[in-house]
N, C-alpha and C. Protein backbone atom coordinates (compact mmCIF):
# COMPACT_ATOMS: atom_id res chain seq x y z
N MET A 1 11.49 -73.29 81.87
CA MET A 1 10.19 -73.93 83.32
C MET A 1 10.82 -74.66 84.66
N ASN A 2 10.69 -74.25 85.77
CA ASN A 2 10.34 -74.65 87.05
C ASN A 2 9.91 -76.25 87.33
N SER A 3 10.54 -77.56 87.19
CA SER A 3 9.79 -78.26 87.66
C SER A 3 8.20 -77.72 88.70
N VAL A 4 7.54 -79.07 88.82
CA VAL A 4 6.53 -78.99 89.54
C VAL A 4 6.42 -79.83 90.80
N SER A 5 6.44 -79.33 91.90
CA SER A 5 6.99 -80.42 93.14
C SER A 5 5.83 -81.38 93.58
N CYS A 6 5.31 -82.04 94.04
CA CYS A 6 4.73 -82.99 94.29
C CYS A 6 3.46 -82.30 95.23
N SER A 7 4.06 -81.15 95.81
CA SER A 7 3.83 -80.50 96.52
C SER A 7 2.58 -79.11 96.23
N GLU A 8 2.64 -79.19 95.03
CA GLU A 8 1.75 -78.23 93.80
C GLU A 8 0.52 -79.44 93.54
N PRO A 9 -0.49 -78.41 93.63
CA PRO A 9 -1.94 -78.70 93.61
C PRO A 9 -1.97 -79.05 92.67
N LEU A 10 -2.58 -80.30 92.14
CA LEU A 10 -2.94 -80.88 90.41
C LEU A 10 -3.17 -79.47 89.00
N TRP A 11 -3.62 -78.55 89.56
CA TRP A 11 -4.60 -77.83 88.72
C TRP A 11 -3.48 -76.76 87.90
N PHE A 12 -2.39 -76.55 89.18
CA PHE A 12 -1.16 -75.72 89.08
C PHE A 12 -0.52 -76.58 88.05
N ALA A 13 -0.19 -77.70 88.12
CA ALA A 13 0.62 -78.21 86.95
C ALA A 13 0.42 -78.28 85.85
N PHE A 14 -0.97 -78.54 85.91
CA PHE A 14 -1.70 -78.42 84.88
C PHE A 14 -1.33 -77.10 83.45
N PHE A 15 -1.74 -76.23 84.41
CA PHE A 15 -1.47 -74.98 84.05
C PHE A 15 -0.02 -74.88 83.78
N VAL A 16 0.65 -74.98 84.46
CA VAL A 16 2.52 -74.94 84.89
C VAL A 16 2.73 -75.62 82.87
N GLN A 17 2.26 -76.65 82.59
CA GLN A 17 2.53 -77.56 82.05
C GLN A 17 1.68 -77.12 80.42
N GLY A 18 0.82 -76.30 81.01
CA GLY A 18 0.30 -75.91 79.53
C GLY A 18 1.01 -74.51 79.07
N LEU A 19 1.35 -73.93 79.82
CA LEU A 19 2.15 -72.69 79.79
C LEU A 19 4.05 -73.06 78.78
N GLU A 20 4.13 -74.14 79.10
CA GLU A 20 5.26 -74.31 79.17
C GLU A 20 5.38 -74.82 77.25
N LYS A 21 3.61 -75.25 77.10
CA LYS A 21 3.39 -76.17 75.52
C LYS A 21 3.39 -74.59 74.78
N ILE A 22 2.54 -73.73 75.44
CA ILE A 22 2.90 -72.26 74.78
C ILE A 22 4.15 -71.57 73.98
N ARG A 23 4.82 -71.80 75.21
CA ARG A 23 6.31 -71.20 75.12
C ARG A 23 6.74 -71.86 73.96
N LYS A 24 6.77 -73.35 73.84
CA LYS A 24 7.98 -74.00 72.86
C LYS A 24 7.12 -73.70 71.19
N ILE A 25 5.92 -73.78 71.47
CA ILE A 25 5.15 -73.17 70.31
C ILE A 25 5.64 -71.96 69.39
N ARG A 26 5.59 -70.83 70.35
CA ARG A 26 6.14 -69.78 69.60
C ARG A 26 7.74 -69.65 69.23
N LEU A 27 8.38 -70.33 70.14
CA LEU A 27 9.25 -70.54 69.37
C LEU A 27 10.07 -70.91 68.22
N LYS A 28 8.67 -71.81 67.62
CA LYS A 28 8.73 -72.43 66.57
C LYS A 28 8.08 -71.39 65.52
N SER A 29 7.81 -70.66 65.76
CA SER A 29 6.72 -69.46 64.75
C SER A 29 8.12 -68.80 64.14
N LYS A 30 7.84 -67.85 63.04
CA LYS A 30 8.54 -67.48 61.90
C LYS A 30 8.52 -65.96 62.09
N THR A 31 7.63 -65.26 63.02
CA THR A 31 6.80 -64.27 63.51
C THR A 31 7.85 -63.87 64.40
N ALA A 32 8.76 -63.25 64.06
CA ALA A 32 10.12 -62.39 64.78
C ALA A 32 9.40 -61.64 66.90
N SER A 33 8.30 -61.00 66.63
CA SER A 33 7.29 -60.58 67.25
C SER A 33 6.78 -61.84 68.27
N VAL A 34 6.60 -62.91 67.60
CA VAL A 34 5.94 -64.04 68.50
C VAL A 34 6.86 -65.04 69.12
N VAL A 35 8.06 -65.47 68.75
CA VAL A 35 9.16 -65.52 69.55
C VAL A 35 10.14 -64.84 70.43
N GLU A 36 9.70 -63.67 70.43
CA GLU A 36 10.00 -63.04 71.61
C GLU A 36 9.03 -62.91 72.24
N ALA A 37 7.98 -63.41 72.59
CA ALA A 37 6.81 -63.43 73.62
C ALA A 37 6.89 -64.77 73.81
N ALA A 38 8.23 -65.56 73.55
CA ALA A 38 8.31 -66.99 74.06
C ALA A 38 8.38 -67.30 75.89
N ASN A 39 8.82 -65.93 75.94
CA ASN A 39 9.23 -65.94 77.33
C ASN A 39 8.32 -65.27 78.68
N MET A 40 7.03 -65.22 77.85
CA MET A 40 5.86 -64.93 79.04
C MET A 40 4.87 -65.59 77.85
N PRO A 41 4.57 -66.41 78.40
CA PRO A 41 3.47 -67.25 77.64
C PRO A 41 2.09 -67.50 78.24
N TYR A 42 2.55 -66.80 79.57
CA TYR A 42 1.51 -66.19 79.94
C TYR A 42 -0.03 -64.90 79.26
N ALA A 43 0.60 -64.39 78.36
CA ALA A 43 0.50 -63.23 78.00
C ALA A 43 0.15 -63.20 76.40
N PHE A 44 -0.77 -62.38 75.53
CA PHE A 44 -1.03 -62.65 74.76
C PHE A 44 0.03 -61.53 73.87
N THR A 45 0.35 -62.32 72.49
CA THR A 45 1.59 -61.66 72.05
C THR A 45 0.87 -60.54 70.85
N GLN A 46 -0.82 -60.40 70.99
CA GLN A 46 -1.24 -59.04 70.94
C GLN A 46 -1.99 -58.35 71.46
N ASN A 47 -2.04 -57.13 72.23
CA ASN A 47 -2.93 -56.60 72.75
C ASN A 47 -4.24 -55.90 71.96
N ARG A 48 -5.22 -56.30 70.87
CA ARG A 48 -5.93 -55.53 70.08
C ARG A 48 -7.14 -54.87 70.99
N GLN A 49 -7.36 -55.39 72.41
CA GLN A 49 -8.23 -54.86 73.50
C GLN A 49 -8.40 -53.07 72.91
N PRO A 50 -9.30 -52.43 72.66
CA PRO A 50 -9.56 -51.04 72.45
C PRO A 50 -9.73 -50.55 74.03
N GLU A 51 -8.99 -48.95 74.15
CA GLU A 51 -9.13 -48.12 75.31
C GLU A 51 -10.42 -47.55 75.96
N THR A 52 -11.51 -47.45 74.85
CA THR A 52 -12.36 -46.83 74.87
C THR A 52 -13.82 -47.94 74.97
N ASP A 53 -14.54 -47.43 74.82
CA ASP A 53 -15.90 -48.49 74.98
C ASP A 53 -16.36 -48.58 73.39
N TYR A 54 -16.68 -50.06 72.64
CA TYR A 54 -16.48 -50.33 71.41
C TYR A 54 -17.83 -50.30 70.68
N LEU A 55 -17.96 -50.63 69.57
CA LEU A 55 -19.21 -51.02 68.98
C LEU A 55 -19.07 -52.72 68.87
N VAL A 56 -19.96 -53.72 69.30
CA VAL A 56 -19.75 -55.19 68.94
C VAL A 56 -20.50 -55.40 67.68
N ILE A 57 -20.29 -56.45 66.81
CA ILE A 57 -20.71 -57.01 65.84
C ILE A 57 -20.94 -58.11 65.76
N PRO A 58 -21.36 -59.83 65.76
CA PRO A 58 -21.51 -60.38 65.72
C PRO A 58 -20.97 -61.15 64.80
N ARG A 59 -19.89 -62.04 64.70
CA ARG A 59 -19.58 -62.34 63.23
C ARG A 59 -20.74 -63.29 62.63
N THR A 60 -21.89 -64.13 63.54
CA THR A 60 -22.18 -65.21 62.68
C THR A 60 -24.06 -64.86 63.27
N SER A 61 -24.91 -64.71 62.75
CA SER A 61 -25.98 -64.04 62.91
C SER A 61 -26.94 -64.87 62.48
N SER A 62 -28.15 -64.70 63.03
CA SER A 62 -29.59 -65.98 62.55
C SER A 62 -30.15 -64.79 61.57
N GLY A 63 -30.03 -65.70 60.10
CA GLY A 63 -30.47 -65.18 58.73
C GLY A 63 -32.13 -64.71 59.25
N LYS A 64 -32.42 -65.06 60.10
CA LYS A 64 -34.49 -65.27 60.54
C LYS A 64 -34.21 -63.59 61.18
N ARG A 65 -33.19 -63.02 61.73
CA ARG A 65 -33.61 -61.48 62.44
C ARG A 65 -33.63 -60.79 61.07
N GLU A 66 -34.13 -59.80 61.63
CA GLU A 66 -34.63 -58.32 60.28
C GLU A 66 -33.68 -57.51 60.60
N TYR A 67 -32.92 -57.59 61.74
CA TYR A 67 -31.42 -56.44 61.92
C TYR A 67 -30.82 -57.37 62.75
N LEU A 68 -29.41 -56.69 62.57
CA LEU A 68 -28.28 -57.47 63.47
C LEU A 68 -28.03 -57.22 64.95
N PRO A 69 -27.91 -57.78 65.73
CA PRO A 69 -27.73 -57.34 67.24
C PRO A 69 -27.10 -56.73 67.63
N ILE A 70 -26.48 -55.69 67.38
CA ILE A 70 -25.30 -54.21 67.15
C ILE A 70 -25.27 -53.83 68.00
N GLY A 71 -24.73 -53.63 69.70
CA GLY A 71 -24.28 -52.77 70.50
C GLY A 71 -23.43 -52.50 71.38
N TYR A 72 -23.28 -51.25 71.92
CA TYR A 72 -21.78 -50.94 72.74
C TYR A 72 -21.52 -51.87 73.89
N GLU A 73 -20.23 -52.02 73.82
CA GLU A 73 -19.62 -52.67 75.13
C GLU A 73 -18.69 -51.53 75.86
N SER A 74 -18.21 -52.57 76.92
CA SER A 74 -17.05 -51.58 77.97
C SER A 74 -16.23 -52.10 77.91
N LYS A 75 -14.73 -50.64 77.75
CA LYS A 75 -13.77 -51.53 77.02
C LYS A 75 -12.91 -52.13 78.10
N ASP A 76 -13.78 -52.30 79.45
CA ASP A 76 -12.96 -53.67 80.58
C ASP A 76 -13.68 -55.00 80.43
N VAL A 77 -14.17 -55.26 78.99
CA VAL A 77 -14.56 -56.71 78.65
C VAL A 77 -14.06 -56.69 77.24
N ILE A 78 -13.49 -57.97 77.67
CA ILE A 78 -12.49 -58.72 76.71
C ILE A 78 -13.20 -59.08 75.22
N ALA A 79 -12.93 -58.67 74.31
CA ALA A 79 -13.84 -58.73 73.20
C ALA A 79 -13.55 -60.52 72.37
N SER A 80 -14.72 -61.49 72.34
CA SER A 80 -13.51 -62.77 71.56
C SER A 80 -13.16 -62.53 69.90
N ASP A 81 -12.86 -63.55 69.49
CA ASP A 81 -13.14 -64.19 67.82
C ASP A 81 -14.14 -64.29 67.05
N ALA A 82 -14.96 -64.10 68.51
CA ALA A 82 -16.72 -64.51 67.46
C ALA A 82 -17.05 -63.03 67.32
N VAL A 83 -16.66 -62.08 67.68
CA VAL A 83 -17.33 -60.82 67.26
C VAL A 83 -16.30 -60.33 66.34
N ILE A 84 -16.89 -59.18 66.53
CA ILE A 84 -16.23 -57.74 65.13
C ILE A 84 -16.03 -56.69 65.95
N ILE A 85 -14.96 -55.66 66.46
CA ILE A 85 -15.33 -54.74 67.27
C ILE A 85 -15.17 -52.88 66.29
N LEU A 86 -15.53 -52.46 66.97
CA LEU A 86 -15.19 -50.79 66.03
C LEU A 86 -15.40 -50.12 67.15
N PRO A 87 -14.19 -49.93 67.51
CA PRO A 87 -13.95 -48.59 68.94
C PRO A 87 -14.13 -46.96 68.08
N ASN A 88 -14.63 -46.25 68.90
CA ASN A 88 -14.60 -45.08 68.79
C ASN A 88 -16.16 -44.58 67.85
N ALA A 89 -16.88 -45.48 67.64
CA ALA A 89 -18.11 -45.90 66.93
C ALA A 89 -18.66 -44.75 67.22
N ASN A 90 -19.60 -43.67 67.02
CA ASN A 90 -20.78 -42.78 67.18
C ASN A 90 -22.27 -43.00 67.23
N HIS A 91 -22.86 -42.24 67.00
CA HIS A 91 -24.44 -43.18 67.28
C HIS A 91 -24.70 -42.66 66.24
N PHE A 92 -24.05 -41.77 65.12
CA PHE A 92 -24.15 -41.78 63.64
C PHE A 92 -23.64 -43.01 63.15
N ILE A 93 -22.54 -43.57 62.89
CA ILE A 93 -21.82 -44.77 62.90
C ILE A 93 -22.86 -46.01 62.95
N PHE A 94 -23.31 -45.84 64.13
CA PHE A 94 -24.66 -46.86 64.88
C PHE A 94 -25.59 -47.12 64.47
N GLY A 95 -26.42 -46.07 64.14
CA GLY A 95 -27.15 -45.79 63.32
C GLY A 95 -27.30 -46.59 61.75
N LEU A 96 -26.12 -46.22 60.90
CA LEU A 96 -26.35 -46.73 59.80
C LEU A 96 -25.92 -48.08 60.00
N LEU A 97 -25.40 -48.80 60.64
CA LEU A 97 -24.87 -50.45 61.11
C LEU A 97 -26.57 -50.97 61.19
N ASN A 98 -26.93 -50.42 61.81
CA ASN A 98 -28.80 -50.71 62.26
C ASN A 98 -29.66 -50.96 61.33
N SER A 99 -29.40 -50.23 60.37
CA SER A 99 -30.34 -49.94 59.44
C SER A 99 -30.59 -51.15 58.33
N SER A 100 -32.01 -50.33 57.67
CA SER A 100 -31.80 -51.48 56.80
C SER A 100 -30.93 -51.62 55.04
N VAL A 101 -30.67 -50.34 55.40
CA VAL A 101 -29.76 -49.65 54.16
C VAL A 101 -28.32 -51.03 54.25
N HIS A 102 -27.31 -51.00 55.78
CA HIS A 102 -26.81 -51.75 55.56
C HIS A 102 -26.95 -52.45 55.24
N ASN A 103 -28.52 -53.68 55.88
CA ASN A 103 -28.65 -55.10 56.17
C ASN A 103 -28.99 -55.46 54.43
N ALA A 104 -29.32 -54.61 54.08
CA ALA A 104 -29.26 -55.34 52.26
C ALA A 104 -27.92 -55.29 51.53
N TRP A 105 -26.98 -54.53 52.47
CA TRP A 105 -25.73 -54.53 51.85
C TRP A 105 -25.38 -55.58 52.17
N MET A 106 -25.13 -56.09 53.88
CA MET A 106 -24.43 -57.50 53.81
C MET A 106 -25.57 -58.52 53.45
N LYS A 107 -26.08 -58.53 53.45
CA LYS A 107 -27.17 -59.90 52.84
C LYS A 107 -26.96 -60.35 51.50
N CYS A 108 -26.41 -59.13 50.95
CA CYS A 108 -25.13 -59.47 49.15
C CYS A 108 -24.42 -59.77 49.69
N VAL A 109 -23.62 -59.39 50.10
CA VAL A 109 -22.19 -59.45 50.18
C VAL A 109 -21.16 -60.27 51.56
N CYS A 110 -22.12 -60.94 52.26
CA CYS A 110 -21.37 -61.68 53.57
C CYS A 110 -21.36 -62.92 53.22
N GLY A 111 -20.94 -63.57 53.72
CA GLY A 111 -20.56 -65.50 54.07
C GLY A 111 -21.91 -65.87 54.28
N ARG A 112 -21.76 -67.12 54.22
CA ARG A 112 -23.36 -67.59 55.26
C ARG A 112 -22.64 -68.80 55.92
N LEU A 113 -23.27 -69.19 57.16
CA LEU A 113 -22.94 -70.48 57.74
C LEU A 113 -24.72 -71.34 58.19
N LYS A 114 -24.13 -72.01 56.96
CA LYS A 114 -25.90 -73.01 56.60
C LYS A 114 -26.97 -71.53 56.02
N SER A 115 -27.67 -71.37 56.97
CA SER A 115 -28.99 -69.87 56.55
C SER A 115 -28.44 -68.73 57.03
N ASP A 116 -27.33 -68.50 58.03
CA ASP A 116 -26.53 -67.34 58.93
C ASP A 116 -25.59 -66.46 58.25
N TYR A 117 -25.94 -65.18 58.39
CA TYR A 117 -25.34 -64.55 57.86
C TYR A 117 -23.54 -64.52 58.87
N ARG A 118 -22.45 -64.34 58.22
CA ARG A 118 -21.37 -64.13 58.64
C ARG A 118 -20.99 -63.17 58.31
N TYR A 119 -20.82 -62.08 58.92
CA TYR A 119 -20.20 -60.68 58.76
C TYR A 119 -18.71 -60.76 59.20
N SER A 120 -18.12 -59.70 58.33
CA SER A 120 -16.24 -59.56 57.85
C SER A 120 -16.35 -58.24 58.11
N ASN A 121 -15.08 -57.70 58.40
CA ASN A 121 -14.53 -56.46 58.35
C ASN A 121 -14.52 -55.76 57.09
N ALA A 122 -14.45 -56.53 56.03
CA ALA A 122 -14.95 -55.64 54.50
C ALA A 122 -15.94 -55.42 54.33
N ILE A 123 -17.37 -56.66 54.95
CA ILE A 123 -18.62 -55.51 54.72
C ILE A 123 -18.46 -53.95 55.08
N PHE A 124 -18.15 -53.58 56.27
CA PHE A 124 -18.20 -52.53 56.64
C PHE A 124 -16.91 -51.69 55.72
N THR A 125 -16.11 -51.90 55.56
CA THR A 125 -14.99 -50.91 54.96
C THR A 125 -15.44 -50.56 53.17
N ASN A 126 -16.29 -51.71 52.97
CA ASN A 126 -16.62 -52.08 51.48
C ASN A 126 -18.01 -50.68 51.51
N PHE A 127 -19.04 -50.83 52.32
CA PHE A 127 -19.95 -50.21 52.41
C PHE A 127 -20.27 -48.72 52.27
N PRO A 128 -20.39 -48.97 50.48
CA PRO A 128 -20.85 -47.76 49.97
C PRO A 128 -21.53 -46.10 51.16
N ARG A 129 -20.77 -45.17 51.67
CA ARG A 129 -20.97 -43.91 52.27
C ARG A 129 -20.93 -42.77 52.04
N PRO A 130 -21.01 -41.94 51.12
CA PRO A 130 -21.25 -41.11 50.76
C PRO A 130 -20.71 -39.97 51.87
N VAL A 131 -20.30 -38.37 51.42
CA VAL A 131 -20.35 -37.62 52.43
C VAL A 131 -20.95 -36.81 53.18
N PHE A 132 -21.93 -37.15 54.31
CA PHE A 132 -22.96 -36.95 54.23
C PHE A 132 -22.83 -35.47 55.81
N ASP A 133 -23.85 -34.51 55.06
CA ASP A 133 -23.71 -32.81 56.20
C ASP A 133 -24.18 -33.66 57.70
N GLU A 134 -23.81 -32.68 57.83
CA GLU A 134 -23.69 -32.81 59.65
C GLU A 134 -25.22 -32.35 60.23
N HIS A 135 -26.76 -31.74 59.07
CA HIS A 135 -27.54 -32.14 59.64
C HIS A 135 -28.20 -33.75 59.59
N ILE A 136 -27.53 -34.56 58.09
CA ILE A 136 -28.05 -35.79 58.53
C ILE A 136 -27.17 -36.49 59.56
N GLN A 137 -26.23 -36.32 59.44
CA GLN A 137 -25.15 -37.69 60.48
C GLN A 137 -26.27 -36.62 62.25
N ASN A 138 -26.79 -35.94 62.59
CA ASN A 138 -27.54 -35.40 63.64
C ASN A 138 -28.38 -36.16 63.66
N LYS A 139 -29.50 -36.15 62.54
CA LYS A 139 -31.01 -36.42 62.59
C LYS A 139 -30.50 -38.38 62.74
N ILE A 140 -29.58 -39.03 61.79
CA ILE A 140 -29.33 -40.47 62.21
C ILE A 140 -28.66 -40.76 63.31
N ALA A 141 -28.27 -39.73 63.95
CA ALA A 141 -27.99 -39.90 65.76
C ALA A 141 -28.94 -40.02 66.87
N GLN A 142 -29.69 -39.01 66.26
CA GLN A 142 -30.73 -39.15 67.07
C GLN A 142 -31.97 -40.53 66.77
N THR A 143 -32.03 -41.25 65.26
CA THR A 143 -33.23 -41.95 65.66
C THR A 143 -31.93 -43.46 66.29
N ALA A 144 -30.71 -42.65 65.82
CA ALA A 144 -29.64 -44.54 67.06
C ALA A 144 -30.04 -44.38 68.49
N GLU A 145 -30.46 -43.41 68.68
CA GLU A 145 -30.23 -42.41 69.99
C GLU A 145 -31.65 -43.54 70.29
N ALA A 146 -33.03 -43.25 69.71
CA ALA A 146 -34.32 -44.11 69.66
C ALA A 146 -34.27 -44.81 70.02
N ILE A 147 -33.19 -45.95 69.06
CA ILE A 147 -33.37 -47.66 69.51
C ILE A 147 -32.36 -47.91 70.51
N LEU A 148 -31.41 -46.88 71.19
CA LEU A 148 -30.81 -47.77 72.34
C LEU A 148 -31.96 -47.30 73.64
N ASP A 149 -32.63 -46.57 73.43
CA ASP A 149 -33.47 -45.80 74.58
C ASP A 149 -34.90 -47.35 74.63
N ALA A 150 -35.16 -47.67 73.63
CA ALA A 150 -35.63 -48.40 73.31
C ALA A 150 -35.46 -49.61 73.61
N ARG A 151 -34.24 -50.22 73.59
CA ARG A 151 -33.43 -51.31 74.27
C ARG A 151 -33.87 -51.04 75.51
N ALA A 152 -33.14 -50.42 76.18
CA ALA A 152 -33.41 -49.66 77.22
C ALA A 152 -34.73 -49.93 77.99
N LEU A 153 -35.48 -50.07 77.86
CA LEU A 153 -37.03 -50.23 78.80
C LEU A 153 -37.06 -51.97 78.90
N PHE A 154 -36.24 -52.61 78.35
CA PHE A 154 -36.11 -54.09 78.63
C PHE A 154 -34.81 -54.71 78.89
N PRO A 155 -34.13 -54.10 80.20
CA PRO A 155 -32.74 -54.26 81.18
C PRO A 155 -32.58 -55.66 80.98
N ASN A 156 -33.61 -56.50 81.25
CA ASN A 156 -33.29 -58.05 81.37
C ASN A 156 -33.55 -58.68 80.47
N SER A 157 -33.23 -58.24 79.24
CA SER A 157 -33.66 -58.68 78.17
C SER A 157 -32.47 -58.33 77.19
N SER A 158 -31.48 -59.73 76.75
CA SER A 158 -30.55 -60.31 75.97
C SER A 158 -30.70 -59.28 74.65
N LEU A 159 -30.04 -59.39 73.63
CA LEU A 159 -30.09 -58.46 72.81
C LEU A 159 -30.71 -59.72 71.64
N ALA A 160 -30.39 -61.19 72.47
CA ALA A 160 -30.64 -62.04 71.50
C ALA A 160 -32.70 -62.46 71.22
N THR A 161 -32.50 -61.88 72.54
CA THR A 161 -34.15 -61.68 72.53
C THR A 161 -34.97 -60.93 72.57
N LEU A 162 -34.57 -59.62 72.47
CA LEU A 162 -34.88 -58.10 71.66
C LEU A 162 -34.88 -58.33 69.79
N TYR A 163 -34.11 -59.28 69.39
CA TYR A 163 -34.00 -58.86 68.26
C TYR A 163 -34.36 -60.30 67.28
N ALA A 164 -35.22 -61.25 68.27
CA ALA A 164 -35.77 -62.72 67.75
C ALA A 164 -37.06 -62.42 67.23
N PRO A 165 -37.06 -62.89 65.90
CA PRO A 165 -38.39 -62.11 65.15
C PRO A 165 -39.97 -62.19 65.82
N LEU A 166 -40.03 -63.00 66.32
CA LEU A 166 -41.18 -63.32 67.41
C LEU A 166 -41.37 -62.92 68.89
N THR A 167 -40.28 -62.00 69.18
CA THR A 167 -40.87 -61.29 70.38
C THR A 167 -39.80 -59.73 70.27
N MET A 168 -39.72 -59.42 69.05
CA MET A 168 -38.89 -58.04 68.86
C MET A 168 -39.92 -57.05 69.71
N PRO A 169 -39.84 -56.45 70.91
CA PRO A 169 -40.72 -55.58 71.66
C PRO A 169 -41.28 -54.65 70.13
N VAL A 170 -42.54 -54.09 70.31
CA VAL A 170 -42.82 -52.94 69.25
C VAL A 170 -42.27 -51.68 69.45
N GLU A 171 -42.21 -51.31 70.59
CA GLU A 171 -41.45 -49.58 70.79
C GLU A 171 -39.62 -50.19 70.35
N LEU A 172 -39.25 -51.13 69.87
CA LEU A 172 -37.72 -51.60 69.40
C LEU A 172 -38.26 -51.52 68.15
N ARG A 173 -38.53 -51.92 67.29
CA ARG A 173 -38.97 -52.04 66.18
C ARG A 173 -39.93 -50.62 65.75
N LYS A 174 -39.91 -49.82 66.49
CA LYS A 174 -40.70 -48.36 66.26
C LYS A 174 -39.70 -47.87 65.79
N ALA A 175 -38.47 -47.63 66.89
CA ALA A 175 -37.32 -47.13 66.83
C ALA A 175 -36.75 -47.82 65.41
N HIS A 176 -36.50 -48.89 64.96
CA HIS A 176 -35.54 -49.26 64.25
C HIS A 176 -36.52 -48.44 63.00
N LYS A 177 -37.77 -48.37 62.52
CA LYS A 177 -38.27 -48.08 61.49
C LYS A 177 -38.33 -46.60 61.07
N ALA A 178 -37.89 -45.86 62.22
CA ALA A 178 -37.75 -44.96 62.38
C ALA A 178 -36.29 -43.79 62.01
N ASN A 179 -35.46 -44.94 62.15
CA ASN A 179 -33.86 -44.83 61.58
C ASN A 179 -34.07 -45.24 60.37
N ASP A 180 -34.59 -46.42 59.96
CA ASP A 180 -34.44 -47.15 58.89
C ASP A 180 -35.03 -45.63 57.31
N ARG A 181 -36.01 -45.02 57.79
CA ARG A 181 -36.09 -43.84 56.97
C ARG A 181 -35.34 -42.80 56.99
N ALA A 182 -34.88 -42.80 58.14
CA ALA A 182 -33.42 -41.42 58.65
C ALA A 182 -32.72 -41.74 57.18
N VAL A 183 -32.44 -43.18 57.26
CA VAL A 183 -31.34 -43.53 56.57
C VAL A 183 -31.06 -43.73 54.87
N LEU A 184 -32.44 -43.90 55.00
CA LEU A 184 -32.82 -44.28 53.35
C LEU A 184 -33.24 -43.02 52.48
N ALA A 185 -33.46 -41.92 53.53
CA ALA A 185 -33.60 -40.24 52.94
C ALA A 185 -32.42 -40.07 52.64
N ALA A 186 -31.36 -40.25 54.00
CA ALA A 186 -29.73 -40.01 53.93
C ALA A 186 -29.22 -40.50 52.28
N TYR A 187 -29.78 -41.28 51.91
CA TYR A 187 -28.75 -42.08 50.36
C TYR A 187 -30.10 -41.93 49.08
N GLY A 188 -31.10 -41.17 49.24
CA GLY A 188 -31.75 -40.73 48.77
C GLY A 188 -33.16 -41.59 48.30
N LEU A 189 -33.02 -42.72 48.76
CA LEU A 189 -34.21 -43.34 48.60
C LEU A 189 -35.40 -43.15 49.50
N LYS A 190 -36.47 -43.72 48.65
CA LYS A 190 -37.73 -43.88 49.23
C LYS A 190 -37.84 -45.08 50.07
N GLY A 191 -38.67 -44.34 51.63
CA GLY A 191 -39.38 -45.48 52.31
C GLY A 191 -39.72 -46.16 51.96
N SER A 192 -40.46 -46.85 51.10
CA SER A 192 -41.17 -47.99 50.45
C SER A 192 -39.73 -49.43 49.53
N SER A 193 -38.69 -48.57 49.40
CA SER A 193 -37.56 -49.47 48.77
C SER A 193 -37.82 -50.38 49.70
N THR A 194 -37.27 -51.63 48.58
CA THR A 194 -37.10 -52.88 49.30
C THR A 194 -35.59 -53.38 49.28
N ASP A 195 -35.03 -54.36 49.53
CA ASP A 195 -33.68 -54.78 49.45
C ASP A 195 -33.34 -55.09 48.71
N THR A 196 -33.62 -55.21 47.32
CA THR A 196 -33.62 -55.45 46.06
C THR A 196 -33.04 -54.07 45.78
N ASP A 197 -34.12 -52.73 45.82
CA ASP A 197 -33.67 -51.67 45.27
C ASP A 197 -32.39 -50.56 46.29
N ILE A 198 -32.44 -51.25 47.40
CA ILE A 198 -31.21 -50.54 47.99
C ILE A 198 -29.89 -51.09 47.89
N ALA A 199 -29.72 -52.36 47.36
CA ALA A 199 -28.89 -53.18 46.97
C ALA A 199 -28.53 -52.69 45.76
N GLN A 200 -29.08 -52.54 44.59
CA GLN A 200 -28.50 -52.07 43.33
C GLN A 200 -28.59 -50.78 43.48
N HIS A 201 -28.86 -49.71 44.54
CA HIS A 201 -28.43 -48.66 44.34
C HIS A 201 -26.95 -48.57 45.23
N LEU A 202 -27.10 -49.17 46.09
CA LEU A 202 -25.69 -48.99 46.59
C LEU A 202 -24.67 -49.64 45.49
N PHE A 203 -24.54 -50.53 44.97
CA PHE A 203 -24.02 -51.50 43.98
C PHE A 203 -23.69 -50.48 42.92
N GLU A 204 -24.65 -49.46 42.37
CA GLU A 204 -24.21 -48.48 41.99
C GLU A 204 -22.99 -47.10 42.52
N MET A 205 -23.25 -46.95 43.45
CA MET A 205 -22.79 -46.16 44.33
C MET A 205 -20.82 -46.58 44.15
N TYR A 206 -21.26 -48.15 44.78
CA TYR A 206 -19.91 -48.56 44.68
C TYR A 206 -19.78 -48.52 43.32
N GLU A 207 -19.62 -48.93 42.91
CA GLU A 207 -19.31 -48.70 41.03
C GLU A 207 -18.22 -47.56 41.17
N LYS A 208 -19.16 -46.05 41.11
CA LYS A 208 -18.90 -44.96 40.98
C LYS A 208 -17.38 -44.21 42.10
N LEU A 209 -18.12 -45.13 43.29
CA LEU A 209 -16.54 -45.06 43.92
C LEU A 209 -15.02 -45.88 43.85
N ILE A 210 -15.52 -46.50 43.12
CA ILE A 210 -14.05 -47.38 42.86
C ILE A 210 -13.46 -46.92 41.44
N ARG A 211 -13.85 -46.34 40.70
CA ARG A 211 -14.18 -45.40 39.69
C ARG A 211 -12.95 -44.29 39.73
N LYS A 212 -13.39 -43.51 41.63
CA LYS A 212 -12.56 -42.58 41.78
C LYS A 212 -11.31 -43.44 42.53
């Protein structure tokens, strides 16, 4: 690494020193690909950024929320480690994840940060999903699109504001309730099913699935 002259601005000196520290750390790694990346300390060792728009799920979300604030993000926005991303997620998947059925499962199996929910990849990958026919998928996709349409009515509001228990707009809540009914019906559950009813049904499904 080249030395920094006295004429260089101070910020540049710190920048170069930081790159040198990264280079040395990478050289000490036991992973061959990380060592190879030592000559490019300014670049990520792994590029996991999707090439398409993706679904964003927060790793930590308030336990007071009725629904997780899940939304789509542009491929041009780099996701941080504070979120989980799901590329190529269509509106059917969006509808499943934004439903009371998925929330009941999440509440049972997720971690906790004090009283907040801690989401992980395993929650989605282990979420029991039967093979839905095209008609059911289209129905859930339609109710999911209604959720997005309801959000669009409030372009100046963040998801944090829209999903706060006391400030959730009536239009958005109605769209979610319609989506809940569609997903509950797809799972063979009644619209009046409680979180306990849903969780019991899902764990019975999960047990049958793992036996296969």
